[in-house]
Protein backbone atom coordinates (compact mmCIF):
# COMPACT_ATOMS: atom_id res chain seq x y z
CA UNK A 1 -29.61 -6.97 -107.93
CA UNK A 2 -31.08 -10.42 -107.30
CA UNK A 3 -31.48 -9.65 -103.60
CA UNK A 4 -33.15 -6.32 -104.52
CA UNK A 5 -35.54 -8.08 -106.91
CA UNK A 6 -36.47 -10.56 -104.22
CA UNK A 7 -37.04 -7.73 -101.81
CA UNK A 8 -39.41 -6.04 -104.20
CA UNK A 9 -41.24 -9.25 -105.01
CA UNK A 10 -41.90 -9.98 -101.32
CA UNK A 11 -43.59 -6.67 -100.97
CA UNK A 12 -46.03 -7.41 -103.69
CA UNK A 13 -49.41 -8.90 -102.70
CA UNK A 14 -48.96 -11.77 -105.14
CA UNK A 15 -45.85 -12.92 -103.32
CA UNK A 16 -47.79 -13.39 -100.13
CA UNK A 17 -50.24 -15.58 -102.06
CA UNK A 18 -47.37 -17.67 -103.44
CA UNK A 19 -45.88 -17.95 -99.90
CA UNK A 20 -49.24 -19.35 -98.72
CA UNK A 21 -49.61 -21.73 -101.68
CA UNK A 22 -46.30 -23.40 -101.07
CA UNK A 23 -47.45 -24.33 -97.58
CA UNK A 24 -50.52 -25.86 -99.19
CA UNK A 25 -48.14 -28.02 -101.26
CA UNK A 26 -46.32 -29.06 -98.08
CA UNK A 27 -49.66 -29.95 -96.40
CA UNK A 28 -50.79 -32.00 -99.37
CA UNK A 29 -47.50 -33.72 -99.46
CA UNK A 30 -47.80 -34.62 -95.78
CA UNK A 31 -51.43 -35.72 -96.03
CA UNK A 32 -50.64 -37.94 -99.03
CA UNK A 33 -47.86 -39.66 -97.15
CA UNK A 34 -49.96 -40.13 -94.02
CA UNK A 35 -52.80 -41.52 -96.20
CA UNK A 36 -50.42 -44.05 -97.74
CA UNK A 37 -49.17 -45.15 -94.22
CA UNK A 38 -52.74 -45.48 -92.91
CA UNK A 39 -54.69 -46.86 -95.87
CA UNK A 40 -51.79 -48.95 -97.28
CA UNK A 41 -51.03 -50.38 -93.77
CA UNK A 42 -47.29 -49.68 -94.26
CA UNK A 43 -46.99 -49.43 -90.50
CA UNK A 44 -47.58 -53.23 -90.27
CA UNK A 45 -43.91 -54.04 -90.55
CA UNK A 46 -43.16 -57.76 -90.87
CA UNK A 47 -42.33 -59.38 -87.52
CA UNK A 48 -40.00 -61.91 -89.07
CA UNK A 49 -36.64 -62.36 -87.30
CA UNK A 50 -38.01 -60.64 -84.17
CA UNK A 51 -38.85 -57.47 -86.16
CA UNK A 52 -35.40 -56.97 -87.57
CA UNK A 53 -36.75 -55.15 -90.59
CA UNK A 54 -38.24 -52.60 -88.14
CA UNK A 55 -35.29 -50.31 -88.38
CA UNK A 56 -32.59 -53.10 -88.64
CA UNK A 57 -29.64 -52.11 -86.48
CA UNK A 58 -31.15 -48.73 -85.56
CA UNK A 59 -34.26 -50.51 -84.41
CA UNK A 60 -32.25 -52.87 -82.24
CA UNK A 61 -30.27 -49.99 -80.70
CA UNK A 62 -33.54 -48.08 -80.07
CA UNK A 63 -34.99 -51.11 -78.37
CA UNK A 64 -31.93 -51.30 -76.06
CA UNK A 65 -32.32 -47.58 -75.23
CA UNK A 66 -36.03 -48.01 -74.59
CA UNK A 67 -35.38 -50.95 -72.28
CA UNK A 68 -32.82 -48.94 -70.28
CA UNK A 69 -29.79 -50.81 -71.58
CA UNK A 70 -28.21 -47.75 -73.23
CA UNK A 71 -26.90 -47.36 -76.77
CA UNK A 72 -26.03 -51.04 -77.29
CA UNK A 73 -26.67 -54.33 -79.05
CA UNK A 74 -27.30 -53.43 -82.72
CA UNK A 75 -27.95 -57.04 -83.71
CA UNK A 76 -30.04 -59.90 -82.46
CA UNK A 77 -28.16 -60.80 -79.26
CA UNK A 78 -26.78 -58.64 -76.44
CA UNK A 79 -23.29 -57.49 -77.37
CA UNK A 80 -22.72 -54.52 -75.14
CA UNK A 81 -22.11 -50.85 -75.94
CA UNK A 82 -22.30 -49.78 -79.54
CA UNK A 83 -21.29 -47.00 -81.94
CA UNK A 84 -22.75 -48.85 -84.96
CA UNK A 85 -24.90 -45.88 -85.99
CA UNK A 86 -24.96 -42.12 -85.37
CA UNK A 87 -27.08 -41.39 -82.36
CA UNK A 88 -29.78 -38.94 -83.51
CA UNK A 89 -32.24 -41.29 -85.20
CA UNK A 90 -31.91 -44.23 -82.75
CA UNK A 91 -32.67 -41.95 -79.93
CA UNK A 92 -35.75 -40.39 -81.68
CA UNK A 93 -36.90 -43.94 -82.44
CA UNK A 94 -36.32 -44.99 -78.76
CA UNK A 95 -38.40 -42.08 -77.59
CA UNK A 96 -41.25 -43.35 -79.82
CA UNK A 97 -40.76 -46.89 -78.52
CA UNK A 98 -41.06 -45.68 -74.86
CA UNK A 99 -44.27 -43.88 -75.55
CA UNK A 100 -46.10 -46.08 -78.08
CA UNK A 101 -44.43 -49.53 -77.47
CA UNK A 102 -41.40 -51.38 -78.69
CA UNK A 103 -41.89 -52.64 -82.28
CA UNK A 104 -45.62 -51.89 -82.09
CA UNK A 105 -47.83 -50.81 -85.00
CA UNK A 106 -48.54 -47.54 -83.18
CA UNK A 107 -44.76 -46.80 -83.02
CA UNK A 108 -44.33 -47.67 -86.62
CA UNK A 109 -47.16 -45.27 -87.63
CA UNK A 110 -45.62 -42.41 -85.52
CA UNK A 111 -42.04 -42.87 -86.76
CA UNK A 112 -43.19 -43.14 -90.43
CA UNK A 113 -45.26 -39.99 -89.93
CA UNK A 114 -42.16 -38.39 -88.51
CA UNK A 115 -40.27 -39.38 -91.64
CA UNK A 116 -43.19 -38.13 -93.79
CA UNK A 117 -43.12 -34.70 -92.10
CA UNK A 118 -39.47 -34.08 -92.99
CA UNK A 119 -40.15 -35.52 -96.56
CA UNK A 120 -43.02 -33.06 -97.01
CA UNK A 121 -40.96 -30.16 -95.70
CA UNK A 122 -38.24 -31.04 -98.22
CA UNK A 123 -40.72 -29.80 -100.97
CA UNK A 124 -40.55 -26.34 -99.28
CA UNK A 125 -36.76 -26.39 -99.40
CA UNK A 126 -36.73 -27.44 -103.02
CA UNK A 127 -39.11 -24.61 -103.83
CA UNK A 128 -36.80 -22.06 -102.20
CA UNK A 129 -33.69 -23.41 -103.97
CA UNK A 130 -35.39 -23.55 -107.42
CA UNK A 131 -36.82 -20.07 -106.87
CA UNK A 132 -33.30 -18.73 -106.39
CA UNK A 133 -31.75 -20.67 -109.26
CA UNK A 134 -34.42 -21.14 -111.89
CA UNK A 135 -37.38 -18.85 -111.17
CA UNK A 136 -40.88 -19.08 -109.81
CA UNK A 137 -42.37 -21.46 -112.40
CA UNK A 138 -39.68 -24.03 -112.03
CA UNK A 139 -39.85 -23.72 -108.29
CA UNK A 140 -43.53 -24.53 -108.13
CA UNK A 141 -43.12 -27.40 -110.57
CA UNK A 142 -40.41 -29.06 -108.56
CA UNK A 143 -42.28 -28.55 -105.24
CA UNK A 144 -45.35 -30.21 -106.72
CA UNK A 145 -43.33 -33.03 -108.24
CA UNK A 146 -41.62 -33.82 -104.95
CA UNK A 147 -44.98 -33.68 -103.17
CA UNK A 148 -46.67 -36.31 -105.22
CA UNK A 149 -43.87 -38.29 -107.00
CA UNK A 150 -44.35 -41.96 -106.01
CA UNK A 151 -40.65 -42.65 -105.49
CA UNK A 152 -40.33 -39.64 -103.16
CA UNK A 153 -43.29 -40.90 -101.25
CA UNK A 154 -41.99 -44.46 -100.93
CA UNK A 155 -39.02 -44.02 -98.59
CA UNK A 156 -40.70 -42.08 -95.79
CA UNK A 157 -43.78 -44.33 -95.71
CA UNK A 158 -42.02 -47.72 -95.90
CA UNK A 159 -38.53 -47.57 -94.25
CA UNK A 160 -37.72 -46.96 -90.59
CA UNK A 161 -34.37 -45.28 -91.11
CA UNK A 162 -32.94 -41.74 -91.18
CA UNK A 163 -33.24 -41.59 -95.00
CA UNK A 164 -35.90 -38.87 -95.22
CA UNK A 165 -34.43 -36.83 -92.34
CA UNK A 166 -31.08 -37.00 -94.06
CA UNK A 167 -32.54 -35.79 -97.33
CA UNK A 168 -34.16 -32.84 -95.51
CA UNK A 169 -31.02 -31.84 -93.66
CA UNK A 170 -28.74 -32.05 -96.69
CA UNK A 171 -31.20 -30.00 -98.82
CA UNK A 172 -31.47 -27.46 -95.94
CA UNK A 173 -27.64 -27.15 -95.84
CA UNK A 174 -27.64 -26.46 -99.55
CA UNK A 175 -30.35 -23.79 -99.29
CA UNK A 176 -28.44 -22.01 -96.46
CA UNK A 177 -25.23 -22.08 -98.43
CA UNK A 178 -26.93 -20.36 -101.36
CA UNK A 179 -28.45 -17.79 -99.03
CA UNK A 180 -25.05 -17.03 -97.55
CA UNK A 181 -23.77 -16.30 -100.99
CA UNK A 182 -26.67 -13.93 -101.50
CA UNK A 183 -25.92 -11.93 -98.31
CA UNK A 184 -22.22 -11.69 -99.14
CA UNK A 185 -20.71 -9.21 -96.60
CA UNK A 186 -23.82 -9.01 -94.51
CA UNK A 187 -23.91 -12.52 -92.98
CA UNK A 188 -24.56 -12.13 -89.27
CA UNK A 189 -22.27 -14.08 -86.98
CA UNK A 190 -25.25 -15.93 -85.50
CA UNK A 191 -25.94 -17.41 -88.87
CA UNK A 192 -22.48 -18.88 -89.15
CA UNK A 193 -22.96 -20.40 -85.70
CA UNK A 194 -26.36 -21.76 -86.76
CA UNK A 195 -24.71 -23.23 -89.87
CA UNK A 196 -22.24 -24.97 -87.67
CA UNK A 197 -25.05 -26.29 -85.38
CA UNK A 198 -26.83 -27.70 -88.47
CA UNK A 199 -23.70 -29.57 -89.68
CA UNK A 200 -23.13 -30.88 -86.16
CA UNK A 201 -26.65 -32.38 -86.21
CA UNK A 202 -26.08 -33.72 -89.76
CA UNK A 203 -22.90 -35.50 -88.63
CA UNK A 204 -24.80 -37.14 -85.72
CA UNK A 205 -27.56 -38.14 -88.06
CA UNK A 206 -25.72 -39.39 -91.15
CA UNK A 207 -22.02 -39.08 -90.95
CA UNK A 208 -21.62 -39.76 -94.61
CA UNK A 209 -23.10 -36.32 -95.45
CA UNK A 210 -20.12 -34.58 -93.95
CA UNK A 211 -18.39 -34.95 -97.24
CA UNK A 212 -20.34 -32.00 -98.49
CA UNK A 213 -19.42 -29.63 -95.57
CA UNK A 214 -15.94 -28.63 -96.81
CA UNK A 215 -17.29 -28.18 -100.29
CA UNK A 216 -19.91 -25.72 -99.03
CA UNK A 217 -17.25 -23.78 -97.06
CA UNK A 218 -14.72 -23.69 -99.96
CA UNK A 219 -17.40 -22.47 -102.37
CA UNK A 220 -18.42 -19.72 -99.93
CA UNK A 221 -14.79 -18.66 -99.45
CA UNK A 222 -14.42 -18.39 -103.24
CA UNK A 223 -17.66 -16.46 -103.70
CA UNK A 224 -17.71 -14.16 -100.68
CA UNK A 225 -15.68 -10.89 -100.41
CA UNK A 226 -13.38 -10.05 -97.50
CA UNK A 227 -11.89 -13.52 -97.42
CA UNK A 228 -9.69 -13.05 -94.36
CA UNK A 229 -12.78 -12.08 -92.38
CA UNK A 230 -14.73 -15.00 -93.71
CA UNK A 231 -12.01 -17.46 -92.83
CA UNK A 232 -12.25 -16.58 -89.14
CA UNK A 233 -16.09 -16.94 -89.27
CA UNK A 234 -15.91 -20.19 -91.05
CA UNK A 235 -13.47 -21.42 -88.36
CA UNK A 236 -16.10 -20.49 -85.80
CA UNK A 237 -18.73 -22.46 -87.85
CA UNK A 238 -16.50 -25.52 -87.87
CA UNK A 239 -15.71 -25.18 -84.22
CA UNK A 240 -19.52 -24.99 -83.49
CA UNK A 241 -20.15 -28.23 -85.46
CA UNK A 242 -17.34 -30.00 -83.59
CA UNK A 243 -18.79 -28.70 -80.35
CA UNK A 244 -22.08 -30.38 -81.23
CA UNK A 245 -20.29 -33.68 -81.92
CA UNK A 246 -18.09 -33.53 -78.85
CA UNK A 247 -20.55 -35.06 -76.27
CA UNK A 248 -20.85 -38.13 -78.43
CA UNK A 249 -17.15 -38.38 -79.14
CA UNK A 250 -16.46 -38.18 -75.35
CA UNK A 251 -19.04 -40.85 -74.74
CA UNK A 252 -17.36 -43.14 -77.32
CA UNK A 253 -13.93 -42.60 -75.74
CA UNK A 254 -15.29 -43.31 -72.19
CA UNK A 255 -17.10 -46.45 -73.41
CA UNK A 256 -14.48 -47.95 -75.71
CA UNK A 257 -11.27 -46.53 -74.29
CA UNK A 258 -10.23 -45.11 -77.75
CA UNK A 259 -11.18 -42.36 -80.17
CA UNK A 260 -14.18 -43.38 -82.30
CA UNK A 261 -15.42 -40.69 -84.74
CA UNK A 262 -19.23 -40.99 -84.27
CA UNK A 263 -19.60 -44.57 -85.60
CA UNK A 264 -17.30 -47.59 -85.84
CA UNK A 265 -18.89 -50.07 -88.36
CA UNK A 266 -17.02 -48.98 -91.47
CA UNK A 267 -14.56 -51.89 -91.49
CA UNK A 268 -17.44 -54.40 -91.44
CA UNK A 269 -19.22 -52.51 -94.21
CA UNK A 270 -16.08 -52.48 -96.38
CA UNK A 271 -15.31 -56.16 -95.70
CA UNK A 272 -18.89 -57.30 -96.38
CA UNK A 273 -18.53 -55.81 -99.88
CA UNK A 274 -14.86 -56.83 -100.43
CA UNK A 275 -13.96 -60.34 -99.50
CA UNK A 276 -13.10 -63.72 -101.05
CA UNK A 277 -16.82 -64.69 -101.41
CA UNK A 278 -17.90 -61.32 -102.74
CA UNK A 279 -19.01 -60.58 -106.25
CA UNK A 280 -18.91 -56.78 -105.66
CA UNK A 281 -22.03 -56.66 -103.56
CA UNK A 282 -22.18 -57.49 -99.80
CA UNK A 283 -22.05 -61.05 -98.51
CA UNK A 284 -24.73 -61.64 -95.86
CA UNK A 285 -22.75 -64.25 -94.00
CA UNK A 286 -20.24 -61.65 -92.76
CA UNK A 287 -22.99 -59.80 -90.83
CA UNK A 288 -23.55 -60.87 -87.17
CA UNK A 289 -27.25 -60.64 -87.70
CA UNK A 290 -27.15 -63.23 -90.48
CA UNK A 291 -24.54 -65.81 -89.41
CA UNK A 292 -24.22 -67.65 -86.00
CA UNK A 293 -20.45 -67.82 -86.31
CA UNK A 294 -20.12 -64.09 -86.96
CA UNK A 295 -22.51 -63.41 -84.03
CA UNK A 296 -20.37 -65.67 -81.79
CA UNK A 297 -17.29 -63.64 -82.76
CA UNK A 298 -19.08 -60.42 -82.26
CA UNK A 299 -20.07 -61.37 -78.68
CA UNK A 300 -16.68 -62.83 -77.89
CA UNK A 301 -14.60 -59.88 -79.18
CA UNK A 302 -17.03 -57.06 -78.44
CA UNK A 303 -17.89 -54.46 -81.06
CA UNK A 304 -14.48 -52.69 -81.30
CA UNK A 305 -12.50 -55.99 -81.27
CA UNK A 306 -14.96 -57.38 -83.96
CA UNK A 307 -14.48 -54.34 -86.14
CA UNK A 308 -10.67 -54.55 -85.67
CA UNK A 309 -10.74 -58.15 -86.95
CA UNK A 310 -12.78 -57.15 -89.94
CA UNK A 311 -10.31 -54.34 -90.63
CA UNK A 312 -7.42 -56.82 -90.61
CA UNK A 313 -9.36 -59.22 -92.92
CA UNK A 314 -10.07 -56.28 -95.33
CA UNK A 315 -6.42 -55.34 -95.42
CA UNK A 316 -5.45 -58.88 -96.29
CA UNK A 317 -8.01 -59.07 -99.09
CA UNK A 318 -6.87 -55.68 -100.55
CA UNK A 319 -3.23 -56.83 -100.36
CA UNK A 320 -3.96 -60.13 -102.15
CA UNK A 321 -6.63 -58.95 -104.56
CA UNK A 322 -6.20 -55.29 -105.49
CA UNK A 323 -7.56 -55.84 -108.96
CA UNK A 324 -10.79 -57.34 -107.67
CA UNK A 325 -11.25 -54.34 -105.32
CA UNK A 326 -10.90 -51.93 -108.26
CA UNK A 327 -13.33 -53.97 -110.42
CA UNK A 328 -15.87 -54.23 -107.54
CA UNK A 329 -15.58 -50.44 -106.93
CA UNK A 330 -16.29 -49.65 -110.57
CA UNK A 331 -19.24 -52.04 -110.58
CA UNK A 332 -20.68 -50.51 -107.49
CA UNK A 333 -20.31 -46.97 -108.97
CA UNK A 334 -22.43 -48.21 -111.83
CA UNK A 335 -24.99 -49.75 -109.57
CA UNK A 336 -25.32 -46.60 -107.52
CA UNK A 337 -26.78 -44.88 -110.62
CA UNK A 338 -28.62 -47.71 -112.38
CA UNK A 339 -29.83 -49.74 -109.39
CA UNK A 340 -28.45 -52.85 -107.74
CA UNK A 341 -28.89 -56.16 -109.50
CA UNK A 342 -31.67 -57.83 -107.44
CA UNK A 343 -34.80 -59.78 -108.32
CA UNK A 344 -37.89 -57.48 -108.94
CA UNK A 345 -40.71 -59.97 -109.20
CA UNK A 346 -44.28 -58.98 -110.04
CA UNK A 347 -46.20 -62.18 -110.19
CA UNK A 348 -44.02 -64.55 -112.22
CA UNK A 349 -42.25 -61.82 -114.12
CA UNK A 350 -38.82 -60.46 -113.34
CA UNK A 351 -38.69 -56.68 -113.91
CA UNK A 352 -34.95 -56.44 -113.22
CA UNK A 353 -34.13 -54.81 -116.55
CA UNK A 354 -37.06 -52.39 -116.30
CA UNK A 355 -35.81 -51.46 -112.79
CA UNK A 356 -32.32 -50.81 -114.16
CA UNK A 357 -33.79 -48.65 -117.00
CA UNK A 358 -35.89 -46.48 -114.64
CA UNK A 359 -32.88 -45.90 -112.41
CA UNK A 360 -30.70 -45.14 -115.40
CA UNK A 361 -33.19 -42.66 -116.93
CA UNK A 362 -33.49 -40.78 -113.62
CA UNK A 363 -29.74 -40.48 -113.38
CA UNK A 364 -29.40 -39.51 -117.02
CA UNK A 365 -32.05 -36.81 -116.82
CA UNK A 366 -30.47 -35.36 -113.68
CA UNK A 367 -27.11 -35.23 -115.33
CA UNK A 368 -28.68 -33.59 -118.35
CA UNK A 369 -30.30 -31.00 -116.16
CA UNK A 370 -26.93 -30.36 -114.60
CA UNK A 371 -25.33 -29.93 -118.02
CA UNK A 372 -28.09 -27.48 -119.07
CA UNK A 373 -27.62 -25.51 -115.83
CA UNK A 374 -23.85 -25.38 -116.36
CA UNK A 375 -24.32 -24.28 -120.02
CA UNK A 376 -26.66 -21.49 -118.89
CA UNK A 377 -24.25 -20.46 -116.04
CA UNK A 378 -26.82 -20.86 -113.33
CA UNK A 379 -25.58 -19.43 -110.05
CA UNK A 380 -24.83 -22.15 -107.59
CA UNK A 381 -24.80 -25.02 -110.06
CA UNK A 382 -21.28 -25.90 -109.00
CA UNK A 383 -22.74 -26.99 -105.64
CA UNK A 384 -25.32 -29.15 -107.32
CA UNK A 385 -22.66 -30.80 -109.43
CA UNK A 386 -20.40 -31.48 -106.43
CA UNK A 387 -23.30 -32.95 -104.56
CA UNK A 388 -24.00 -35.40 -107.34
CA UNK A 389 -20.39 -36.31 -107.97
CA UNK A 390 -18.83 -36.25 -104.55
CA UNK A 391 -21.55 -37.50 -102.16
CA UNK A 392 -21.65 -41.06 -103.73
CA UNK A 393 -17.87 -41.75 -103.46
CA UNK A 394 -18.02 -43.57 -100.02
CA UNK A 395 -20.83 -45.84 -101.34
CA UNK A 396 -18.74 -46.95 -104.26
CA UNK A 397 -16.48 -48.65 -101.72
CA UNK A 398 -19.28 -50.35 -99.81
CA UNK A 399 -22.82 -51.14 -100.74
CA UNK A 400 -24.75 -48.85 -103.18
CA UNK A 401 -28.24 -49.66 -101.86
CA UNK A 402 -30.95 -47.36 -103.35
CA UNK A 403 -31.90 -45.87 -99.97
CA UNK A 404 -28.34 -44.50 -99.68
CA UNK A 405 -28.89 -42.37 -102.70
CA UNK A 406 -32.07 -40.78 -101.32
CA UNK A 407 -30.34 -37.75 -99.54
CA UNK A 408 -29.33 -36.41 -103.01
CA UNK A 409 -32.54 -37.32 -104.75
CA UNK A 410 -34.17 -33.94 -103.93
CA UNK A 411 -31.41 -32.30 -106.02
CA UNK A 412 -31.70 -34.91 -108.72
CA UNK A 413 -35.40 -34.25 -109.01
CA UNK A 414 -34.74 -30.50 -109.00
CA UNK A 415 -32.41 -30.95 -111.98
CA UNK A 416 -34.83 -33.29 -113.84
CA UNK A 417 -37.71 -30.92 -113.42
CA UNK A 418 -35.64 -27.96 -114.57
CA UNK A 419 -34.54 -29.99 -117.69
CA UNK A 420 -38.14 -30.55 -118.73
CA UNK A 421 -39.32 -27.13 -117.58
CA UNK A 422 -36.65 -25.32 -119.62
CA UNK A 423 -36.91 -27.85 -122.43
CA UNK A 424 -40.37 -26.57 -123.32
CA UNK A 425 -38.71 -23.34 -124.73
CA UNK A 426 -35.87 -25.06 -126.55
CA UNK A 427 -36.57 -25.33 -130.24
CA UNK A 428 -36.21 -28.78 -131.76
CA UNK A 429 -35.07 -28.91 -135.42
CA UNK A 430 -35.89 -32.29 -136.99
CA UNK A 431 -33.95 -33.53 -139.96
CA UNK A 432 -35.21 -32.01 -143.24
CA UNK A 433 -36.92 -29.06 -141.67
CA UNK A 434 -36.10 -25.57 -142.79
CA UNK A 435 -33.74 -23.60 -140.59
């Protein structure tokens, strides 16, 4: 019935006007972001520490690629071949470096514009998702909100990282999953293959997002008819995604002489957040880019040997201090949703508590929107809930930096907008008023 209603609506002249207007929202979102980059000079990234903030480890790897040294040296000094980061974004950044110059203002403008394009397109995806789940009015509201909301604008125009691309890809995967459920028995085989291609690209862009892949498949297996037939097609989808990853996995095996699943820096990330000097957040001195002794060991052992050493140190810490690891994990879970405890200075005033409050309110409103969607039995809300509850789990073990939350912030904003949009029609009975 829903598919039929959509079919009827697309044949109506008003629907073509709405389709055109959503592209205007995307254009305005893009122009706003480009204006912030250009007028706000956000492309003038600080040159401190030899431009390390220009993409951090991804920037260093991109520089090595652009210089013809291959995917290598993710920190300040030459350290040989690397699998520190997934390959997609460093290669994109390296292509920009080759054309517009390494660590140049022009390259920064181009890569931030690239981020902004995918951030703007995310408003289109949110519109399509909200249209399916909540209706046309809520869809337009969430698209406009994402287009102009300052926090949604911040990440693509300020940070050279895969953050905005990851948010776009994860939101696209959510939209396609919902569309599969609509098609039910009529899903073409090519669409399953395309879904596998998408997840392969996601894995090579931000490996942490893969945690949502099996959830999508299991939800579709539950919702779709002819389950035996669907299992074979899902197997083809998984095979396709593995096929996309295979060239990089082969490269890692040839370079390091062992199997490395896309990236290898997890032991370091875990140890930086869980060690004798840690208070639950990362300790900078463990990172080779911050400590000469760590850099010396990194060069001496090579990347694989260095990560193996950090793995052993982590295991020692976990064995000797299991209670501290549990406490740190619970604290990081809290920080993921209320913001990390860091100085937020404006002039001589520290807005740390205000920062915590804004993060907390955003999280609380998103969860309230999720609760309202569950209460109203909105189709597909299970996926939204899983995305909010399952995606953060790896970051509870390492560092809950705010940019790591950005891939799920489109869905959070979707739920927040729905909460307020639907709340307009919920009667409020104040104490003492007649029923």
